[in-house]
């Protein structure tokens, strides 16, 4: 769950950075471009977000909501 939420949040942040830099955000000289490329690879390295969601849903179905240790 941590991998999914952190990779999704990082994706939103870097996407926003590319938007701020505009066309220059895609230029190889811009550090944001490298972050965007590396983050994209990291998001699919250990399974896509959709696969991570399926794994989490399977665990919730198997263990129930107690798995989350949510306060009552």
PDB file of N, CA and C in Angstrom:
ATOM      1  N   UNK A   1       0.827  -1.180   0.000  1.00  0.00           N
ATOM      2  CA  UNK A   1       0.000   0.000   0.000  1.00  0.00           C
ATOM      3  C   UNK A   1       0.874   1.247   0.000  1.00  0.00           C
ATOM      4  N   UNK A   2       1.991   1.183   0.706  1.00  0.00           N
ATOM      5  CA  UNK A   2       2.900   2.331   0.743  1.00  0.00           C
ATOM      6  C   UNK A   2       3.516   2.574  -0.631  1.00  0.00           C
ATOM      7  N   UNK A   3       3.887   1.493  -1.322  1.00  0.00           N
ATOM      8  CA  UNK A   3       4.486   1.634  -2.653  1.00  0.00           C
ATOM      9  C   UNK A   3       3.488   2.259  -3.616  1.00  0.00           C
ATOM     10  N   UNK A   4       2.253   1.826  -3.561  1.00  0.00           N
ATOM     11  CA  UNK A   4       1.234   2.362  -4.453  1.00  0.00           C
ATOM     12  C   UNK A   4       0.979   3.838  -4.179  1.00  0.00           C
ATOM     13  N   UNK A   5       0.756   4.181  -2.923  1.00  0.00           N
ATOM     14  CA  UNK A   5       0.429   5.573  -2.613  1.00  0.00           C
ATOM     15  C   UNK A   5       1.606   6.513  -2.870  1.00  0.00           C
ATOM     16  N   UNK A   6       2.817   6.062  -2.544  1.00  0.00           N
ATOM     17  CA  UNK A   6       3.970   6.936  -2.770  1.00  0.00           C
ATOM     18  C   UNK A   6       4.286   7.103  -4.250  1.00  0.00           C
ATOM     19  N   UNK A   7       4.164   6.041  -5.041  1.00  0.00           N
ATOM     20  CA  UNK A   7       4.450   6.174  -6.468  1.00  0.00           C
ATOM     21  C   UNK A   7       3.384   7.018  -7.163  1.00  0.00           C
ATOM     22  N   UNK A   8       2.132   6.893  -6.752  1.00  0.00           N
ATOM     23  CA  UNK A   8       1.076   7.726  -7.327  1.00  0.00           C
ATOM     24  C   UNK A   8       1.277   9.196  -6.968  1.00  0.00           C
ATOM     25  N   UNK A   9       1.622   9.469  -5.701  1.00  0.00           N
ATOM     26  CA  UNK A   9       1.852  10.851  -5.271  1.00  0.00           C
ATOM     27  C   UNK A   9       3.055  11.447  -6.001  1.00  0.00           C
ATOM     28  N   UNK A  10       4.138  10.685  -6.102  1.00  0.00           N
ATOM     29  CA  UNK A  10       5.325  11.179  -6.801  1.00  0.00           C
ATOM     30  C   UNK A  10       5.014  11.454  -8.273  1.00  0.00           C
ATOM     31  N   UNK A  11       4.196  10.600  -8.869  1.00  0.00           N
ATOM     32  CA  UNK A  11       3.804  10.804 -10.261  1.00  0.00           C
ATOM     33  C   UNK A  11       3.043  12.102 -10.447  1.00  0.00           C
ATOM     34  N   UNK A  12       2.143  12.398  -9.517  1.00  0.00           N
ATOM     35  CA  UNK A  12       1.386  13.650  -9.603  1.00  0.00           C
ATOM     36  C   UNK A  12       2.299  14.860  -9.443  1.00  0.00           C
ATOM     37  N   UNK A  13       3.258  14.773  -8.519  1.00  0.00           N
ATOM     38  CA  UNK A  13       4.170  15.893  -8.278  1.00  0.00           C
ATOM     39  C   UNK A  13       5.051  16.153  -9.501  1.00  0.00           C
ATOM     40  N   UNK A  14       5.647  15.105 -10.044  1.00  0.00           N
ATOM     41  CA  UNK A  14       6.538  15.287 -11.195  1.00  0.00           C
ATOM     42  C   UNK A  14       5.750  15.726 -12.418  1.00  0.00           C
ATOM     43  N   UNK A  15       4.544  15.212 -12.582  1.00  0.00           N
ATOM     44  CA  UNK A  15       3.715  15.657 -13.697  1.00  0.00           C
ATOM     45  C   UNK A  15       3.420  17.150 -13.574  1.00  0.00           C
ATOM     46  N   UNK A  16       3.133  17.594 -12.369  1.00  0.00           N
ATOM     47  CA  UNK A  16       2.885  19.026 -12.144  1.00  0.00           C
ATOM     48  C   UNK A  16       4.140  19.838 -12.459  1.00  0.00           C
ATOM     49  N   UNK A  17       5.321  19.313 -12.080  1.00  0.00           N
ATOM     50  CA  UNK A  17       6.575  20.015 -12.380  1.00  0.00           C
ATOM     51  C   UNK A  17       6.790  20.149 -13.881  1.00  0.00           C
ATOM     52  N   UNK A  18       6.513  19.084 -14.624  1.00  0.00           N
ATOM     53  CA  UNK A  18       6.659  19.151 -16.078  1.00  0.00           C
ATOM     54  C   UNK A  18       5.692  20.187 -16.641  1.00  0.00           C
ATOM     55  N   UNK A  19       4.480  20.244 -16.095  1.00  0.00           N
ATOM     56  CA  UNK A  19       3.512  21.238 -16.548  1.00  0.00           C
ATOM     57  C   UNK A  19       4.022  22.656 -16.278  1.00  0.00           C
ATOM     58  N   UNK A  20       4.642  22.859 -15.122  1.00  0.00           N
ATOM     59  CA  UNK A  20       5.158  24.182 -14.774  1.00  0.00           C
ATOM     60  C   UNK A  20       6.275  24.598 -15.737  1.00  0.00           C
ATOM     61  N   UNK A  21       7.160  23.653 -16.061  1.00  0.00           N
ATOM     62  CA  UNK A  21       8.264  23.966 -16.961  1.00  0.00           C
ATOM     63  C   UNK A  21       7.822  24.054 -18.416  1.00  0.00           C
ATOM     64  N   UNK A  22       6.644  23.561 -18.720  1.00  0.00           N
ATOM     65  CA  UNK A  22       6.135  23.622 -20.089  1.00  0.00           C
ATOM     66  C   UNK A  22       6.948  22.744 -21.028  1.00  0.00           C
ATOM     67  N   UNK A  23       7.174  23.221 -22.246  1.00  0.00           N
ATOM     68  CA  UNK A  23       7.928  22.459 -23.239  1.00  0.00           C
ATOM     69  C   UNK A  23       9.346  22.166 -22.799  1.00  0.00           C
ATOM     70  N   UNK A  24       9.884  23.045 -21.968  1.00  0.00           N
ATOM     71  CA  UNK A  24      11.252  22.833 -21.479  1.00  0.00           C
ATOM     72  C   UNK A  24      11.316  21.636 -20.536  1.00  0.00           C
ATOM     73  N   UNK A  25      10.193  21.255 -19.946  1.00  0.00           N
ATOM     74  CA  UNK A  25      10.159  20.104 -19.060  1.00  0.00           C
ATOM     75  C   UNK A  25      10.484  18.796 -19.759  1.00  0.00           C
ATOM     76  N   UNK A  26      10.368  18.774 -21.090  1.00  0.00           N
ATOM     77  CA  UNK A  26      10.703  17.579 -21.879  1.00  0.00           C
ATOM     78  C   UNK A  26      12.114  17.621 -22.433  1.00  0.00           C
ATOM     79  N   UNK A  27      12.808  18.721 -22.237  1.00  0.00           N
ATOM     80  CA  UNK A  27      14.163  18.887 -22.756  1.00  0.00           C
ATOM     81  C   UNK A  27      15.131  18.047 -21.918  1.00  0.00           C
ATOM     82  N   UNK A  28      16.066  17.356 -22.568  1.00  0.00           N
ATOM     83  CA  UNK A  28      17.024  16.494 -21.866  1.00  0.00           C
ATOM     84  C   UNK A  28      17.928  17.264 -20.902  1.00  0.00           C
ATOM     85  N   UNK A  29      18.073  18.562 -21.096  1.00  0.00           N
ATOM     86  CA  UNK A  29      18.914  19.373 -20.210  1.00  0.00           C
ATOM     87  C   UNK A  29      18.208  19.732 -18.903  1.00  0.00           C
ATOM     88  N   UNK A  30      16.923  19.525 -18.843  1.00  0.00           N
ATOM     89  CA  UNK A  30      16.136  19.897 -17.664  1.00  0.00           C
ATOM     90  C   UNK A  30      16.080  18.714 -16.679  1.00  0.00           C
ATOM     91  N   UNK A  31      16.408  18.946 -15.416  1.00  0.00           N
ATOM     92  CA  UNK A  31      16.393  17.853 -14.429  1.00  0.00           C
ATOM     93  C   UNK A  31      15.003  17.227 -14.248  1.00  0.00           C
ATOM     94  N   UNK A  32      13.958  18.004 -14.506  1.00  0.00           N
ATOM     95  CA  UNK A  32      12.602  17.479 -14.351  1.00  0.00           C
ATOM     96  C   UNK A  32      12.335  16.350 -15.357  1.00  0.00           C
ATOM     97  N   UNK A  33      12.903  16.474 -16.540  1.00  0.00           N
ATOM     98  CA  UNK A  33      12.711  15.442 -17.566  1.00  0.00           C
ATOM     99  C   UNK A  33      13.273  14.113 -17.100  1.00  0.00           C
ATOM    100  N   UNK A  34      14.442  14.156 -16.483  1.00  0.00           N
ATOM    101  CA  UNK A  34      15.051  12.919 -15.985  1.00  0.00           C
ATOM    102  C   UNK A  34      14.218  12.316 -14.862  1.00  0.00           C
ATOM    103  N   UNK A  35      13.734  13.155 -13.963  1.00  0.00           N
ATOM    104  CA  UNK A  35      12.864  12.665 -12.893  1.00  0.00           C
ATOM    105  C   UNK A  35      11.610  12.009 -13.460  1.00  0.00           C
ATOM    106  N   UNK A  36      11.045  12.637 -14.485  1.00  0.00           N
ATOM    107  CA  UNK A  36       9.838  12.104 -15.107  1.00  0.00           C
ATOM    108  C   UNK A  36      10.095  10.723 -15.699  1.00  0.00           C
ATOM    109  N   UNK A  37      11.213  10.576 -16.415  1.00  0.00           N
ATOM    110  CA  UNK A  37      11.558   9.273 -17.004  1.00  0.00           C
ATOM    111  C   UNK A  37      11.807   8.227 -15.937  1.00  0.00           C
ATOM    112  N   UNK A  38      12.616   8.555 -14.931  1.00  0.00           N
ATOM    113  CA  UNK A  38      12.956   7.593 -13.888  1.00  0.00           C
ATOM    114  C   UNK A  38      11.743   7.194 -13.068  1.00  0.00           C
ATOM    115  N   UNK A  39      10.889   8.147 -12.784  1.00  0.00           N
ATOM    116  CA  UNK A  39       9.699   7.843 -12.009  1.00  0.00           C
ATOM    117  C   UNK A  39       8.759   6.929 -12.784  1.00  0.00           C
ATOM    118  N   UNK A  40       8.656   7.152 -14.059  1.00  0.00           N
ATOM    119  CA  UNK A  40       7.787   6.308 -14.886  1.00  0.00           C
ATOM    120  C   UNK A  40       8.273   4.868 -14.847  1.00  0.00           C
ATOM    121  N   UNK A  41       9.565   4.659 -14.917  1.00  0.00           N
ATOM    122  CA  UNK A  41      10.115   3.305 -14.848  1.00  0.00           C
ATOM    123  C   UNK A  41       9.891   2.717 -13.461  1.00  0.00           C
ATOM    124  N   UNK A  42      10.095   3.508 -12.419  1.00  0.00           N
ATOM    125  CA  UNK A  42       9.885   3.021 -11.053  1.00  0.00           C
ATOM    126  C   UNK A  42       8.448   2.609 -10.808  1.00  0.00           C
ATOM    127  N   UNK A  43       7.508   3.299 -11.436  1.00  0.00           N
ATOM    128  CA  UNK A  43       6.099   2.986 -11.226  1.00  0.00           C
ATOM    129  C   UNK A  43       5.736   1.631 -11.801  1.00  0.00           C
ATOM    130  N   UNK A  44       6.442   1.169 -12.830  1.00  0.00           N
ATOM    131  CA  UNK A  44       6.107  -0.135 -13.408  1.00  0.00           C
ATOM    132  C   UNK A  44       7.122  -1.220 -13.042  1.00  0.00           C
ATOM    133  N   UNK A  45       8.177  -0.863 -12.324  1.00  0.00           N
ATOM    134  CA  UNK A  45       9.236  -1.819 -11.999  1.00  0.00           C
ATOM    135  C   UNK A  45       8.717  -2.979 -11.153  1.00  0.00           C
ATOM    136  N   UNK A  46       8.011  -2.706 -10.077  1.00  0.00           N
ATOM    137  CA  UNK A  46       7.515  -3.758  -9.192  1.00  0.00           C
ATOM    138  C   UNK A  46       6.039  -4.032  -9.420  1.00  0.00           C
ATOM    139  N   UNK A  47       5.548  -3.744 -10.580  1.00  0.00           N
ATOM    140  CA  UNK A  47       4.150  -3.969 -10.896  1.00  0.00           C
ATOM    141  C   UNK A  47       3.434  -2.645 -11.078  1.00  0.00           C
ATOM    142  N   UNK A  48       2.562  -2.611 -12.051  1.00  0.00           N
ATOM    143  CA  UNK A  48       1.831  -1.382 -12.318  1.00  0.00           C
ATOM    144  C   UNK A  48       0.891  -1.071 -11.165  1.00  0.00           C
ATOM    145  N   UNK A  49       0.398   0.141 -11.144  1.00  0.00           N
ATOM    146  CA  UNK A  49      -0.517   0.551 -10.083  1.00  0.00           C
ATOM    147  C   UNK A  49      -1.773  -0.309 -10.077  1.00  0.00           C
ATOM    148  N   UNK A  50      -2.221  -0.710 -11.257  1.00  0.00           N
ATOM    149  CA  UNK A  50      -3.413  -1.541 -11.329  1.00  0.00           C
ATOM    150  C   UNK A  50      -3.170  -2.906 -10.673  1.00  0.00           C
ATOM    151  N   UNK A  51      -1.991  -3.471 -10.905  1.00  0.00           N
ATOM    152  CA  UNK A  51      -1.650  -4.758 -10.286  1.00  0.00           C
ATOM    153  C   UNK A  51      -1.530  -4.590  -8.780  1.00  0.00           C
ATOM    154  N   UNK A  52      -0.912  -3.505  -8.332  1.00  0.00           N
ATOM    155  CA  UNK A  52      -0.800  -3.257  -6.897  1.00  0.00           C
ATOM    156  C   UNK A  52      -2.186  -3.143  -6.261  1.00  0.00           C
ATOM    157  N   UNK A  53      -3.116  -2.485  -6.936  1.00  0.00           N
ATOM    158  CA  UNK A  53      -4.482  -2.371  -6.413  1.00  0.00           C
ATOM    159  C   UNK A  53      -5.151  -3.735  -6.311  1.00  0.00           C
ATOM    160  N   UNK A  54      -4.924  -4.591  -7.309  1.00  0.00           N
ATOM    161  CA  UNK A  54      -5.494  -5.943  -7.254  1.00  0.00           C
ATOM    162  C   UNK A  54      -4.914  -6.749  -6.096  1.00  0.00           C
ATOM    163  N   UNK A  55      -3.620  -6.597  -5.844  1.00  0.00           N
ATOM    164  CA  UNK A  55      -2.985  -7.296  -4.727  1.00  0.00           C
ATOM    165  C   UNK A  55      -3.562  -6.816  -3.404  1.00  0.00           C
ATOM    166  N   UNK A  56      -3.707  -5.506  -3.254  1.00  0.00           N
ATOM    167  CA  UNK A  56      -4.265  -4.942  -2.022  1.00  0.00           C
ATOM    168  C   UNK A  56      -5.708  -5.406  -1.842  1.00  0.00           C
ATOM    169  N   UNK A  57      -6.496  -5.387  -2.915  1.00  0.00           N
ATOM    170  CA  UNK A  57      -7.888  -5.837  -2.827  1.00  0.00           C
ATOM    171  C   UNK A  57      -7.965  -7.304  -2.437  1.00  0.00           C
ATOM    172  N   UNK A  58      -7.076  -8.124  -2.974  1.00  0.00           N
ATOM    173  CA  UNK A  58      -7.059  -9.544  -2.606  1.00  0.00           C
ATOM    174  C   UNK A  58      -6.733  -9.752  -1.140  1.00  0.00           C
ATOM    175  N   UNK A  59      -5.779  -8.984  -0.638  1.00  0.00           N
ATOM    176  CA  UNK A  59      -5.429  -9.085   0.785  1.00  0.00           C
ATOM    177  C   UNK A  59      -6.578  -8.620   1.670  1.00  0.00           C
ATOM    178  N   UNK A  60      -7.252  -7.541   1.276  1.00  0.00           N
ATOM    179  CA  UNK A  60      -8.398  -7.058   2.046  1.00  0.00           C
ATOM    180  C   UNK A  60      -9.527  -8.087   2.043  1.00  0.00           C
ATOM    181  N   UNK A  61      -9.749  -8.712   0.904  1.00  0.00           N
ATOM    182  CA  UNK A  61     -10.792  -9.728   0.814  1.00  0.00           C
ATOM    183  C   UNK A  61     -10.443 -10.931   1.680  1.00  0.00           C
ATOM    184  N   UNK A  62      -9.159 -11.306   1.682  1.00  0.00           N
ATOM    185  CA  UNK A  62      -8.724 -12.472   2.437  1.00  0.00           C
ATOM    186  C   UNK A  62      -8.697 -12.196   3.940  1.00  0.00           C
ATOM    187  N   UNK A  63      -8.163 -11.047   4.334  1.00  0.00           N
ATOM    188  CA  UNK A  63      -7.953 -10.759   5.755  1.00  0.00           C
ATOM    189  C   UNK A  63      -9.040  -9.886   6.374  1.00  0.00           C
ATOM    190  N   UNK A  64      -9.793  -9.181   5.578  1.00  0.00           N
ATOM    191  CA  UNK A  64     -10.808  -8.276   6.097  1.00  0.00           C
ATOM    192  C   UNK A  64     -10.210  -6.903   6.387  1.00  0.00           C
ATOM    193  N   UNK A  65     -11.030  -5.995   6.837  1.00  0.00           N
ATOM    194  CA  UNK A  65     -10.566  -4.633   7.099  1.00  0.00           C
ATOM    195  C   UNK A  65      -9.664  -4.535   8.317  1.00  0.00           C
ATOM    196  N   UNK A  66      -9.634  -5.540   9.183  1.00  0.00           N
ATOM    197  CA  UNK A  66      -8.746  -5.543  10.333  1.00  0.00           C
ATOM    198  C   UNK A  66      -7.275  -5.483   9.906  1.00  0.00           C
ATOM    199  N   UNK A  67      -7.016  -5.872   8.682  1.00  0.00           N
ATOM    200  CA  UNK A  67      -5.671  -5.839   8.100  1.00  0.00           C
ATOM    201  C   UNK A  67      -5.121  -4.417   8.108  1.00  0.00           C
ATOM    202  N   UNK A  68      -5.996  -3.421   8.020  1.00  0.00           N
ATOM    203  CA  UNK A  68      -5.565  -2.026   7.964  1.00  0.00           C
ATOM    204  C   UNK A  68      -5.261  -1.434   9.324  1.00  0.00           C
ATOM    205  N   UNK A  69      -5.728  -2.068  10.401  1.00  0.00           N
ATOM    206  CA  UNK A  69      -5.550  -1.565  11.769  1.00  0.00           C
ATOM    207  C   UNK A  69      -6.074  -0.145  11.891  1.00  0.00           C
ATOM    208  N   UNK A  70      -7.265   0.105  11.390  1.00  0.00           N
ATOM    209  CA  UNK A  70      -7.863   1.438  11.475  1.00  0.00           C
ATOM    210  C   UNK A  70      -8.439   1.664  12.868  1.00  0.00           C
ATOM    211  N   UNK A  71      -8.322   2.891  13.390  1.00  0.00           N
ATOM    212  CA  UNK A  71      -8.929   3.183  14.694  1.00  0.00           C
ATOM    213  C   UNK A  71     -10.444   3.145  14.588  1.00  0.00           C
ATOM    214  N   UNK A  72     -11.089   2.748  15.653  1.00  0.00           N
ATOM    215  CA  UNK A  72     -12.562   2.613  15.629  1.00  0.00           C
ATOM    216  C   UNK A  72     -13.260   3.936  15.740  1.00  0.00           C
TER     217      UNK A  72
END
